[in-house]
């Protein structure tokens, strides 16, 4: 192994120190911006929903969920519905959502208020899409533990069905100042095997 030298004013005067590690005496850098909190992989029986519970409310500034998913809906595409809450998810009409999308052939926008969930469209492939294709994306919930403000979500995702594809950018709102400890994700259909959801905590500066 080629030796590693650490140069400093002292080494110039008194000779170089030889290290057997590329760290050369320095502490290893371990990125801590994102930390894995939990993952859910859907098994062979499928699942009608995915829920993260007991999310810690300290140590992170924001949350992010990354996903690849497909449902059994009798269509080529399916939508994502997100409910959040503290201790359990809120099912009241306390959500809003906004939408921008493109298909390659057209673009559009829309909004919805006083909904029982954040409605984020065309995030998943469905049963009539070509086999083994999955929608993918990620969404963030900002300042999820701040008890002084309503909670904002945003998502970038979409799906490709070999001829009909969507790219979607949405935002969402939960009108509550409660810290979020629960996130529930559903669709029009049930999630099929190999769908995968991963929750991360995002550390602040």
N, C-alpha and C. Protein backbone atom coordinates (compact mmCIF):
# COMPACT_ATOMS: atom_id res chain seq x y z
N UNK A 1 0.84 -1.20 0.00
CA UNK A 1 0.00 0.00 0.00
C UNK A 1 0.87 1.24 0.00
N UNK A 2 0.57 2.20 -0.83
CA UNK A 2 1.33 3.44 -0.89
C UNK A 2 1.09 4.25 0.37
N UNK A 3 2.14 4.70 1.05
CA UNK A 3 1.94 5.47 2.28
C UNK A 3 1.27 6.80 2.00
N UNK A 4 0.58 7.33 3.01
CA UNK A 4 -0.11 8.61 2.92
C UNK A 4 0.59 9.58 3.85
N UNK A 5 0.87 10.79 3.37
CA UNK A 5 1.55 11.79 4.17
C UNK A 5 0.61 12.94 4.49
N UNK A 6 0.76 13.47 5.66
CA UNK A 6 -0.01 14.65 6.06
C UNK A 6 0.97 15.81 6.21
N UNK A 7 0.81 16.82 5.37
CA UNK A 7 1.74 17.94 5.38
C UNK A 7 1.22 19.06 6.27
N UNK A 8 2.10 19.64 7.03
CA UNK A 8 1.79 20.78 7.88
C UNK A 8 3.07 21.56 8.11
N UNK A 9 2.97 22.70 8.74
CA UNK A 9 4.18 23.47 9.04
C UNK A 9 5.13 22.66 9.91
N UNK A 10 4.56 21.91 10.84
CA UNK A 10 5.40 21.08 11.71
C UNK A 10 6.11 19.98 10.94
N UNK A 11 5.40 19.36 9.94
CA UNK A 11 6.02 18.28 9.18
C UNK A 11 7.14 18.79 8.30
N UNK A 12 7.04 20.04 7.85
CA UNK A 12 8.11 20.61 7.04
C UNK A 12 9.37 20.75 7.88
N UNK A 13 9.20 21.14 9.15
CA UNK A 13 10.35 21.33 10.02
C UNK A 13 10.90 20.00 10.54
N UNK A 14 10.02 19.07 10.89
CA UNK A 14 10.44 17.89 11.64
C UNK A 14 10.26 16.58 10.90
N UNK A 15 9.88 16.63 9.65
CA UNK A 15 9.71 15.39 8.88
C UNK A 15 8.25 14.98 8.80
N UNK A 16 7.93 14.22 7.76
CA UNK A 16 6.55 13.83 7.49
C UNK A 16 6.12 12.67 8.37
N UNK A 17 4.83 12.65 8.71
CA UNK A 17 4.24 11.51 9.41
C UNK A 17 3.60 10.60 8.38
N UNK A 18 3.86 9.31 8.46
CA UNK A 18 3.33 8.35 7.51
C UNK A 18 2.10 7.69 8.09
N UNK A 19 1.01 7.65 7.31
CA UNK A 19 -0.24 7.03 7.73
C UNK A 19 -0.59 5.88 6.80
N UNK A 20 -1.24 4.87 7.32
CA UNK A 20 -1.68 3.75 6.51
C UNK A 20 -3.11 3.89 6.04
N UNK A 21 -3.74 5.03 6.30
CA UNK A 21 -5.13 5.26 5.94
C UNK A 21 -5.22 6.54 5.13
N UNK A 22 -6.13 6.57 4.18
CA UNK A 22 -6.35 7.78 3.40
C UNK A 22 -6.90 8.92 4.24
N UNK A 23 -7.38 8.64 5.44
CA UNK A 23 -7.86 9.71 6.31
C UNK A 23 -6.70 10.56 6.82
N UNK A 24 -5.49 9.99 6.84
CA UNK A 24 -4.28 10.70 7.25
C UNK A 24 -4.46 11.40 8.59
N UNK A 25 -5.07 10.69 9.53
CA UNK A 25 -5.24 11.24 10.86
C UNK A 25 -6.45 12.10 11.06
N UNK A 26 -7.22 12.36 10.01
CA UNK A 26 -8.42 13.18 10.12
C UNK A 26 -9.63 12.32 10.47
N UNK A 27 -10.63 12.93 11.07
CA UNK A 27 -11.86 12.24 11.40
C UNK A 27 -12.66 11.96 10.13
N UNK A 28 -13.21 10.77 10.03
CA UNK A 28 -14.01 10.42 8.85
C UNK A 28 -15.22 11.32 8.73
N UNK A 29 -15.51 11.77 7.51
CA UNK A 29 -16.69 12.60 7.27
C UNK A 29 -17.89 11.70 7.00
N UNK A 30 -18.93 11.89 7.76
CA UNK A 30 -20.15 11.12 7.58
C UNK A 30 -21.30 12.09 7.35
N UNK A 31 -21.83 12.18 6.12
CA UNK A 31 -22.93 13.12 5.86
C UNK A 31 -24.13 12.82 6.74
N UNK A 32 -24.73 13.86 7.29
CA UNK A 32 -25.86 13.67 8.19
C UNK A 32 -27.08 14.49 7.77
N UNK A 33 -27.09 15.01 6.53
CA UNK A 33 -28.23 15.81 6.10
C UNK A 33 -29.51 14.97 6.06
N UNK A 34 -29.40 13.72 5.58
CA UNK A 34 -30.54 12.82 5.50
C UNK A 34 -30.25 11.60 6.37
N UNK A 35 -31.24 11.21 7.17
CA UNK A 35 -31.12 10.00 7.96
C UNK A 35 -32.34 9.13 7.73
N UNK A 36 -32.10 7.86 7.49
CA UNK A 36 -33.21 6.92 7.29
C UNK A 36 -33.97 6.73 8.60
N UNK A 37 -35.29 6.86 8.55
CA UNK A 37 -36.14 6.63 9.71
C UNK A 37 -36.84 5.29 9.61
N UNK A 38 -37.43 5.00 8.45
CA UNK A 38 -38.18 3.74 8.29
C UNK A 38 -38.38 3.47 6.81
N UNK A 39 -38.56 2.20 6.47
CA UNK A 39 -38.89 1.80 5.10
C UNK A 39 -40.02 0.79 5.11
N UNK A 40 -40.80 0.79 4.05
CA UNK A 40 -41.88 -0.19 3.88
C UNK A 40 -41.76 -0.78 2.48
N UNK A 41 -41.63 -2.09 2.39
CA UNK A 41 -41.63 -2.81 1.12
C UNK A 41 -42.87 -3.68 1.07
N UNK A 42 -43.69 -3.52 0.04
CA UNK A 42 -44.95 -4.24 -0.06
C UNK A 42 -44.69 -5.68 -0.50
N UNK A 43 -45.26 -6.63 0.22
CA UNK A 43 -45.05 -8.04 -0.06
C UNK A 43 -46.03 -8.59 -1.08
N UNK A 44 -46.01 -9.90 -1.21
CA UNK A 44 -46.78 -10.58 -2.27
C UNK A 44 -48.28 -10.41 -2.12
N UNK A 45 -48.77 -10.14 -0.93
CA UNK A 45 -50.20 -9.97 -0.74
C UNK A 45 -50.71 -8.58 -1.08
N UNK A 46 -49.80 -7.65 -1.40
CA UNK A 46 -50.23 -6.28 -1.67
C UNK A 46 -50.58 -5.55 -0.38
N UNK A 47 -50.94 -4.29 -0.50
CA UNK A 47 -51.32 -3.50 0.66
C UNK A 47 -52.23 -2.35 0.24
N UNK A 48 -53.29 -2.14 1.00
CA UNK A 48 -54.23 -1.06 0.69
C UNK A 48 -53.68 0.31 1.07
N UNK A 49 -52.66 0.34 1.94
CA UNK A 49 -52.09 1.61 2.36
C UNK A 49 -50.70 1.37 2.93
N UNK A 50 -49.95 2.45 3.05
CA UNK A 50 -48.65 2.44 3.71
C UNK A 50 -48.68 3.54 4.76
N UNK A 51 -48.27 3.23 5.98
CA UNK A 51 -48.31 4.24 7.03
C UNK A 51 -47.02 4.22 7.84
N UNK A 52 -46.50 5.41 8.09
CA UNK A 52 -45.38 5.59 9.00
C UNK A 52 -45.93 6.16 10.30
N UNK A 53 -45.58 5.55 11.41
CA UNK A 53 -46.09 5.97 12.71
C UNK A 53 -44.92 6.26 13.65
N UNK A 54 -45.23 6.92 14.76
CA UNK A 54 -44.24 7.25 15.79
C UNK A 54 -43.02 7.95 15.21
N UNK A 55 -43.24 8.86 14.28
CA UNK A 55 -42.14 9.63 13.71
C UNK A 55 -41.58 10.57 14.77
N UNK A 56 -40.28 10.55 15.03
CA UNK A 56 -39.73 11.43 16.06
C UNK A 56 -39.91 12.90 15.69
N UNK A 57 -40.19 13.73 16.67
CA UNK A 57 -40.43 15.15 16.42
C UNK A 57 -39.22 16.00 16.81
N UNK A 58 -38.12 15.38 17.13
CA UNK A 58 -36.87 16.11 17.41
C UNK A 58 -35.76 15.52 16.56
N UNK A 59 -34.75 16.34 16.30
CA UNK A 59 -33.59 15.88 15.56
C UNK A 59 -33.62 16.20 14.08
N UNK A 60 -34.78 16.59 13.55
CA UNK A 60 -34.91 16.87 12.12
C UNK A 60 -35.70 18.16 11.91
N UNK A 61 -35.45 18.78 10.76
CA UNK A 61 -36.21 19.97 10.38
C UNK A 61 -37.37 19.62 9.46
N UNK A 62 -37.16 18.68 8.55
CA UNK A 62 -38.16 18.31 7.55
C UNK A 62 -38.18 16.79 7.38
N UNK A 63 -39.19 16.31 6.67
CA UNK A 63 -39.30 14.89 6.34
C UNK A 63 -39.33 14.73 4.82
N UNK A 64 -38.82 13.57 4.37
CA UNK A 64 -38.91 13.24 2.95
C UNK A 64 -39.28 11.77 2.80
N UNK A 65 -40.20 11.49 1.88
CA UNK A 65 -40.57 10.12 1.52
C UNK A 65 -40.20 9.90 0.07
N UNK A 66 -39.40 8.86 -0.19
CA UNK A 66 -39.04 8.47 -1.55
C UNK A 66 -39.76 7.17 -1.88
N UNK A 67 -40.23 7.04 -3.12
CA UNK A 67 -41.06 5.88 -3.42
C UNK A 67 -40.90 5.41 -4.85
N UNK A 68 -41.12 4.11 -5.05
CA UNK A 68 -41.45 3.53 -6.35
C UNK A 68 -42.68 2.68 -6.09
N UNK A 69 -43.71 2.78 -6.93
CA UNK A 69 -44.94 2.07 -6.61
C UNK A 69 -45.80 1.83 -7.83
N UNK A 70 -46.58 0.78 -7.71
CA UNK A 70 -47.54 0.36 -8.73
C UNK A 70 -48.77 -0.16 -7.99
N UNK A 71 -49.96 0.07 -8.56
CA UNK A 71 -51.19 -0.40 -7.91
C UNK A 71 -51.95 -1.35 -8.83
N UNK A 72 -53.01 -1.93 -8.25
CA UNK A 72 -53.85 -2.87 -9.02
C UNK A 72 -55.08 -2.19 -9.61
N UNK A 73 -55.12 -0.86 -9.65
CA UNK A 73 -56.23 -0.14 -10.26
C UNK A 73 -56.37 -0.54 -11.73
N UNK A 74 -57.58 -0.65 -12.22
CA UNK A 74 -57.83 -1.02 -13.62
C UNK A 74 -57.66 0.19 -14.52
N UNK A 75 -56.42 0.63 -14.65
CA UNK A 75 -56.08 1.80 -15.45
C UNK A 75 -54.58 1.75 -15.69
N UNK A 76 -54.06 2.74 -16.41
CA UNK A 76 -52.61 2.79 -16.61
C UNK A 76 -51.91 3.60 -15.53
N UNK A 77 -52.63 4.47 -14.85
CA UNK A 77 -52.05 5.34 -13.84
C UNK A 77 -52.91 5.36 -12.59
N UNK A 78 -52.31 5.80 -11.49
CA UNK A 78 -53.04 5.92 -10.23
C UNK A 78 -52.51 7.13 -9.47
N UNK A 79 -53.30 7.60 -8.52
CA UNK A 79 -53.02 8.83 -7.79
C UNK A 79 -52.55 8.52 -6.36
N UNK A 80 -51.83 9.47 -5.78
CA UNK A 80 -51.37 9.36 -4.40
C UNK A 80 -52.22 10.26 -3.51
N UNK A 81 -52.66 9.71 -2.39
CA UNK A 81 -53.40 10.47 -1.38
C UNK A 81 -52.63 10.38 -0.07
N UNK A 82 -52.37 11.53 0.54
CA UNK A 82 -51.56 11.59 1.76
C UNK A 82 -52.35 12.25 2.87
N UNK A 83 -52.40 11.57 4.01
CA UNK A 83 -52.97 12.12 5.23
C UNK A 83 -51.89 12.12 6.30
N UNK A 84 -51.89 13.13 7.14
CA UNK A 84 -50.91 13.24 8.21
C UNK A 84 -51.64 13.53 9.52
N UNK A 85 -50.91 13.46 10.62
CA UNK A 85 -51.52 13.75 11.91
C UNK A 85 -50.57 13.52 13.05
N UNK A 86 -51.07 13.72 14.25
CA UNK A 86 -50.31 13.53 15.47
C UNK A 86 -50.99 12.45 16.29
N UNK A 87 -50.37 11.28 16.38
CA UNK A 87 -50.95 10.14 17.07
C UNK A 87 -51.79 9.28 16.16
N UNK A 88 -52.53 9.91 15.26
CA UNK A 88 -53.29 9.23 14.20
C UNK A 88 -53.48 10.26 13.10
N UNK A 89 -53.83 9.78 11.89
CA UNK A 89 -53.96 10.73 10.79
C UNK A 89 -55.29 11.48 10.87
N UNK A 90 -55.26 12.70 10.40
CA UNK A 90 -56.44 13.57 10.36
C UNK A 90 -57.26 13.21 9.11
N UNK A 91 -58.51 12.84 9.30
CA UNK A 91 -59.39 12.49 8.18
C UNK A 91 -60.42 13.59 7.89
N UNK A 92 -60.29 14.74 8.56
CA UNK A 92 -61.21 15.85 8.32
C UNK A 92 -60.87 16.61 7.06
N UNK A 93 -61.73 17.57 6.73
CA UNK A 93 -61.56 18.36 5.50
C UNK A 93 -60.60 19.51 5.74
N UNK A 94 -59.35 19.16 6.05
CA UNK A 94 -58.35 20.14 6.47
C UNK A 94 -57.15 20.21 5.55
N UNK A 95 -57.33 19.75 4.30
CA UNK A 95 -56.20 19.68 3.37
C UNK A 95 -56.49 20.49 2.12
N UNK A 96 -55.41 20.90 1.46
CA UNK A 96 -55.50 21.55 0.15
C UNK A 96 -54.34 21.05 -0.70
N UNK A 97 -54.45 21.20 -2.02
CA UNK A 97 -53.40 20.76 -2.93
C UNK A 97 -53.41 21.62 -4.18
N UNK A 98 -52.24 21.74 -4.82
CA UNK A 98 -52.08 22.49 -6.05
C UNK A 98 -51.26 21.65 -7.01
N UNK A 99 -51.45 21.84 -8.32
CA UNK A 99 -50.90 20.89 -9.28
C UNK A 99 -50.40 21.57 -10.55
N UNK A 100 -49.22 21.14 -11.00
CA UNK A 100 -48.71 21.44 -12.33
C UNK A 100 -48.30 20.11 -12.96
N UNK A 101 -48.60 19.91 -14.25
CA UNK A 101 -48.23 18.64 -14.85
C UNK A 101 -47.96 18.80 -16.34
N UNK A 102 -47.22 17.82 -16.86
CA UNK A 102 -46.97 17.75 -18.29
C UNK A 102 -46.96 16.31 -18.74
N UNK A 103 -47.42 16.07 -19.98
CA UNK A 103 -47.47 14.71 -20.51
C UNK A 103 -46.58 14.53 -21.73
N UNK A 104 -45.94 15.57 -22.19
CA UNK A 104 -45.23 15.53 -23.46
C UNK A 104 -46.09 16.06 -24.59
N UNK A 105 -47.41 15.90 -24.44
CA UNK A 105 -48.35 16.41 -25.44
C UNK A 105 -49.16 17.59 -24.92
N UNK A 106 -49.26 17.72 -23.60
CA UNK A 106 -50.06 18.79 -23.02
C UNK A 106 -49.54 19.15 -21.64
N UNK A 107 -49.97 20.30 -21.16
CA UNK A 107 -49.64 20.74 -19.81
C UNK A 107 -50.92 21.22 -19.15
N UNK A 108 -50.90 21.29 -17.83
CA UNK A 108 -52.09 21.75 -17.13
C UNK A 108 -51.79 22.11 -15.70
N UNK A 109 -52.79 22.62 -15.02
CA UNK A 109 -52.68 23.02 -13.62
C UNK A 109 -54.03 22.87 -12.97
N UNK A 110 -54.04 22.82 -11.64
CA UNK A 110 -55.30 22.71 -10.92
C UNK A 110 -55.09 22.90 -9.44
N UNK A 111 -56.17 22.94 -8.69
CA UNK A 111 -56.10 23.09 -7.24
C UNK A 111 -57.34 22.49 -6.61
N UNK A 112 -57.23 22.20 -5.32
CA UNK A 112 -58.37 21.66 -4.57
C UNK A 112 -58.23 22.09 -3.12
N UNK A 113 -59.35 22.47 -2.50
CA UNK A 113 -59.33 22.90 -1.10
C UNK A 113 -60.38 22.13 -0.32
N UNK A 114 -60.25 22.20 0.99
CA UNK A 114 -61.20 21.54 1.91
C UNK A 114 -61.36 20.06 1.58
N UNK A 115 -60.24 19.39 1.35
CA UNK A 115 -60.23 17.97 1.06
C UNK A 115 -59.88 17.18 2.32
N UNK A 116 -60.16 15.89 2.28
CA UNK A 116 -59.85 15.03 3.43
C UNK A 116 -58.46 14.41 3.30
N UNK A 117 -57.68 14.84 2.30
CA UNK A 117 -56.33 14.34 2.08
C UNK A 117 -55.63 15.22 1.05
N UNK A 118 -54.32 15.20 1.03
CA UNK A 118 -53.59 15.84 -0.05
C UNK A 118 -53.73 14.93 -1.27
N UNK A 119 -54.23 15.46 -2.37
CA UNK A 119 -54.48 14.67 -3.57
C UNK A 119 -53.42 15.01 -4.61
N UNK A 120 -52.50 14.06 -4.83
CA UNK A 120 -51.40 14.24 -5.76
C UNK A 120 -51.54 13.22 -6.88
N UNK A 121 -51.86 13.68 -8.08
CA UNK A 121 -52.31 12.79 -9.15
C UNK A 121 -51.17 12.16 -9.94
N UNK A 122 -51.47 10.99 -10.53
CA UNK A 122 -50.63 10.33 -11.53
C UNK A 122 -49.21 10.03 -11.05
N UNK A 123 -49.09 9.61 -9.80
CA UNK A 123 -47.78 9.30 -9.25
C UNK A 123 -47.37 7.84 -9.47
N UNK A 124 -48.34 6.96 -9.66
CA UNK A 124 -48.07 5.53 -9.73
C UNK A 124 -48.51 4.96 -11.09
N UNK A 125 -47.86 3.90 -11.52
CA UNK A 125 -48.42 3.11 -12.61
C UNK A 125 -49.49 2.19 -12.02
N UNK A 126 -50.35 1.67 -12.89
CA UNK A 126 -51.45 0.82 -12.45
C UNK A 126 -51.51 -0.46 -13.28
N UNK A 127 -52.57 -1.21 -13.10
CA UNK A 127 -52.62 -2.59 -13.59
C UNK A 127 -52.53 -2.71 -15.11
N UNK A 128 -53.00 -1.70 -15.84
CA UNK A 128 -53.00 -1.78 -17.30
C UNK A 128 -51.72 -1.23 -17.94
N UNK A 129 -50.77 -0.79 -17.12
CA UNK A 129 -49.48 -0.37 -17.66
C UNK A 129 -48.64 -1.60 -17.99
N UNK A 130 -47.62 -1.44 -18.85
CA UNK A 130 -46.75 -2.57 -19.14
C UNK A 130 -46.19 -3.20 -17.86
N UNK A 131 -46.01 -4.49 -17.88
CA UNK A 131 -45.54 -5.21 -16.70
C UNK A 131 -44.22 -4.65 -16.20
N UNK A 132 -44.10 -4.63 -14.88
CA UNK A 132 -42.85 -4.26 -14.21
C UNK A 132 -42.49 -2.79 -14.30
N UNK A 133 -43.42 -1.93 -14.73
CA UNK A 133 -43.16 -0.49 -14.70
C UNK A 133 -43.75 0.09 -13.42
N UNK A 134 -43.02 1.02 -12.82
CA UNK A 134 -43.41 1.61 -11.55
C UNK A 134 -43.30 3.12 -11.64
N UNK A 135 -44.23 3.83 -11.01
CA UNK A 135 -44.10 5.26 -10.85
C UNK A 135 -43.09 5.54 -9.75
N UNK A 136 -42.47 6.72 -9.78
CA UNK A 136 -41.47 7.04 -8.76
C UNK A 136 -41.48 8.53 -8.48
N UNK A 137 -40.93 8.88 -7.32
CA UNK A 137 -40.83 10.28 -6.95
C UNK A 137 -40.46 10.43 -5.50
N UNK A 138 -40.56 11.64 -5.02
CA UNK A 138 -40.30 11.92 -3.61
C UNK A 138 -41.13 13.11 -3.19
N UNK A 139 -41.54 13.12 -1.92
CA UNK A 139 -42.22 14.30 -1.41
C UNK A 139 -41.65 14.68 -0.05
N UNK A 140 -41.71 15.97 0.22
CA UNK A 140 -41.20 16.51 1.48
C UNK A 140 -42.34 17.16 2.27
N UNK A 141 -42.25 17.07 3.58
CA UNK A 141 -43.13 17.83 4.46
C UNK A 141 -42.22 18.76 5.26
N UNK A 142 -42.41 20.06 5.07
CA UNK A 142 -41.50 21.06 5.60
C UNK A 142 -41.92 21.48 7.01
N UNK A 143 -40.92 21.67 7.87
CA UNK A 143 -41.16 22.14 9.24
C UNK A 143 -42.23 21.29 9.93
N UNK A 144 -42.11 19.99 9.78
CA UNK A 144 -43.16 19.06 10.21
C UNK A 144 -43.43 19.08 11.71
N UNK A 145 -42.45 19.51 12.51
CA UNK A 145 -42.62 19.51 13.96
C UNK A 145 -42.84 20.91 14.54
N UNK A 146 -42.92 21.92 13.69
CA UNK A 146 -43.11 23.30 14.14
C UNK A 146 -44.57 23.50 14.54
N UNK A 147 -44.81 23.82 15.79
CA UNK A 147 -46.18 23.97 16.29
C UNK A 147 -46.70 25.40 16.14
N UNK A 148 -46.01 26.21 15.34
CA UNK A 148 -46.45 27.60 15.13
C UNK A 148 -46.98 27.84 13.72
N UNK A 149 -47.03 26.79 12.90
CA UNK A 149 -47.45 27.02 11.51
C UNK A 149 -48.17 25.80 10.96
N UNK A 150 -48.98 26.03 9.92
CA UNK A 150 -49.57 24.93 9.16
C UNK A 150 -48.46 24.20 8.40
N UNK A 151 -48.73 22.96 8.03
CA UNK A 151 -47.70 22.13 7.41
C UNK A 151 -47.85 22.13 5.89
N UNK A 152 -46.73 22.31 5.19
CA UNK A 152 -46.69 22.35 3.73
C UNK A 152 -45.99 21.12 3.19
N UNK A 153 -46.55 20.54 2.15
CA UNK A 153 -45.92 19.42 1.47
C UNK A 153 -45.67 19.78 0.01
N UNK A 154 -44.71 19.07 -0.60
CA UNK A 154 -44.45 19.25 -2.04
C UNK A 154 -43.95 17.93 -2.60
N UNK A 155 -44.28 17.66 -3.84
CA UNK A 155 -43.93 16.38 -4.44
C UNK A 155 -43.52 16.58 -5.89
N UNK A 156 -42.50 15.84 -6.30
CA UNK A 156 -42.11 15.75 -7.71
C UNK A 156 -42.06 14.26 -8.05
N UNK A 157 -42.86 13.87 -9.03
CA UNK A 157 -42.91 12.46 -9.38
C UNK A 157 -43.64 12.26 -10.68
N UNK A 158 -43.89 11.02 -11.00
CA UNK A 158 -44.63 10.72 -12.21
C UNK A 158 -44.44 9.29 -12.63
N UNK A 159 -44.96 8.98 -13.80
CA UNK A 159 -44.94 7.60 -14.29
C UNK A 159 -44.88 7.59 -15.81
N UNK A 160 -44.36 6.50 -16.33
CA UNK A 160 -44.23 6.32 -17.78
C UNK A 160 -44.87 4.98 -18.14
N UNK A 161 -45.85 5.01 -19.03
CA UNK A 161 -46.54 3.78 -19.42
C UNK A 161 -46.22 3.40 -20.87
N UNK A 162 -45.01 3.74 -21.34
CA UNK A 162 -44.61 3.44 -22.72
C UNK A 162 -45.60 3.99 -23.73
N UNK A 163 -45.87 5.25 -23.65
CA UNK A 163 -46.79 5.89 -24.58
C UNK A 163 -47.62 6.96 -23.91
N UNK A 164 -47.94 6.78 -22.65
CA UNK A 164 -48.67 7.80 -21.87
C UNK A 164 -47.90 8.01 -20.59
N UNK A 165 -47.28 9.17 -20.48
CA UNK A 165 -46.48 9.45 -19.30
C UNK A 165 -46.83 10.78 -18.69
N UNK A 166 -46.55 10.91 -17.40
CA UNK A 166 -46.83 12.14 -16.67
C UNK A 166 -45.61 12.53 -15.86
N UNK A 167 -45.35 13.83 -15.80
CA UNK A 167 -44.46 14.41 -14.80
C UNK A 167 -45.31 15.40 -14.03
N UNK A 168 -45.29 15.27 -12.70
CA UNK A 168 -46.19 16.07 -11.86
C UNK A 168 -45.40 16.80 -10.78
N UNK A 169 -45.73 18.07 -10.58
CA UNK A 169 -45.21 18.82 -9.44
C UNK A 169 -46.41 19.37 -8.68
N UNK A 170 -46.52 19.00 -7.42
CA UNK A 170 -47.65 19.41 -6.60
C UNK A 170 -47.16 20.04 -5.31
N UNK A 171 -48.03 20.82 -4.71
CA UNK A 171 -47.84 21.24 -3.32
C UNK A 171 -49.09 20.83 -2.55
N UNK A 172 -48.98 20.86 -1.23
CA UNK A 172 -50.10 20.49 -0.40
C UNK A 172 -50.05 21.21 0.93
N UNK A 173 -51.17 21.24 1.62
CA UNK A 173 -51.27 21.94 2.89
C UNK A 173 -52.13 21.13 3.86
N UNK A 174 -51.65 21.03 5.09
CA UNK A 174 -52.46 20.49 6.20
C UNK A 174 -52.69 21.64 7.17
N UNK A 175 -53.93 22.01 7.36
CA UNK A 175 -54.25 23.17 8.19
C UNK A 175 -54.28 22.76 9.66
N UNK A 176 -53.10 22.57 10.21
CA UNK A 176 -52.93 22.25 11.63
C UNK A 176 -51.55 22.68 12.07
N UNK A 177 -51.45 23.11 13.31
CA UNK A 177 -50.14 23.46 13.88
C UNK A 177 -49.55 22.31 14.68
N UNK A 178 -50.20 21.16 14.70
CA UNK A 178 -49.68 20.01 15.45
C UNK A 178 -48.44 19.44 14.75
N UNK A 179 -47.52 18.93 15.55
CA UNK A 179 -46.37 18.23 15.00
C UNK A 179 -46.85 16.94 14.34
N UNK A 180 -46.19 16.54 13.27
CA UNK A 180 -46.59 15.33 12.53
C UNK A 180 -45.82 14.13 13.04
N UNK A 181 -46.56 13.12 13.47
CA UNK A 181 -45.96 11.84 13.89
C UNK A 181 -46.45 10.68 13.03
N UNK A 182 -47.43 10.93 12.18
CA UNK A 182 -48.02 9.88 11.34
C UNK A 182 -48.18 10.36 9.91
N UNK A 183 -47.83 9.51 8.95
CA UNK A 183 -48.06 9.77 7.53
C UNK A 183 -48.69 8.52 6.94
N UNK A 184 -49.85 8.67 6.29
CA UNK A 184 -50.53 7.54 5.64
C UNK A 184 -50.66 7.82 4.16
N UNK A 185 -50.28 6.83 3.35
CA UNK A 185 -50.29 6.97 1.88
C UNK A 185 -51.23 5.92 1.31
N UNK A 186 -52.18 6.36 0.48
CA UNK A 186 -53.10 5.45 -0.19
C UNK A 186 -53.19 5.82 -1.66
N UNK A 187 -53.94 5.02 -2.41
CA UNK A 187 -54.19 5.26 -3.83
C UNK A 187 -55.60 4.80 -4.14
N UNK A 188 -56.04 4.92 -5.38
CA UNK A 188 -57.34 4.39 -5.76
C UNK A 188 -57.36 2.87 -5.70
N UNK A 189 -56.24 2.26 -6.03
CA UNK A 189 -56.10 0.81 -5.93
C UNK A 189 -55.20 0.46 -4.76
N UNK A 190 -54.91 -0.84 -4.62
CA UNK A 190 -53.98 -1.31 -3.59
C UNK A 190 -52.57 -1.38 -4.17
N UNK A 191 -51.58 -1.16 -3.33
CA UNK A 191 -50.20 -1.23 -3.77
C UNK A 191 -49.81 -2.68 -4.05
N UNK A 192 -49.12 -2.88 -5.16
CA UNK A 192 -48.70 -4.21 -5.56
C UNK A 192 -47.31 -4.53 -5.00
N UNK A 193 -46.99 -5.82 -5.06
CA UNK A 193 -45.70 -6.29 -4.57
C UNK A 193 -44.56 -5.52 -5.24
N UNK A 194 -43.51 -5.29 -4.47
CA UNK A 194 -42.29 -4.58 -4.85
C UNK A 194 -42.42 -3.07 -4.80
N UNK A 195 -43.60 -2.56 -4.48
CA UNK A 195 -43.69 -1.13 -4.20
C UNK A 195 -42.88 -0.85 -2.94
N UNK A 196 -42.22 0.29 -2.92
CA UNK A 196 -41.28 0.57 -1.82
C UNK A 196 -41.38 2.03 -1.43
N UNK A 197 -41.43 2.29 -0.13
CA UNK A 197 -41.51 3.65 0.41
C UNK A 197 -40.45 3.79 1.51
N UNK A 198 -39.70 4.88 1.47
CA UNK A 198 -38.63 5.11 2.45
C UNK A 198 -38.78 6.51 3.04
N UNK A 199 -38.80 6.57 4.37
CA UNK A 199 -38.94 7.85 5.09
C UNK A 199 -37.59 8.29 5.61
N UNK A 200 -37.26 9.56 5.34
CA UNK A 200 -36.00 10.15 5.82
C UNK A 200 -36.29 11.40 6.64
N UNK A 201 -35.43 11.65 7.62
CA UNK A 201 -35.43 12.90 8.33
C UNK A 201 -34.36 13.79 7.74
N UNK A 202 -34.67 15.06 7.53
CA UNK A 202 -33.72 16.03 6.98
C UNK A 202 -33.26 16.96 8.10
N UNK A 203 -31.98 16.96 8.37
CA UNK A 203 -31.44 17.78 9.42
C UNK A 203 -31.30 19.22 8.97
N UNK A 204 -31.45 20.15 9.90
CA UNK A 204 -31.27 21.55 9.60
C UNK A 204 -29.81 21.93 9.66
N UNK A 205 -29.54 23.22 9.40
CA UNK A 205 -28.16 23.70 9.40
C UNK A 205 -27.61 23.72 10.81
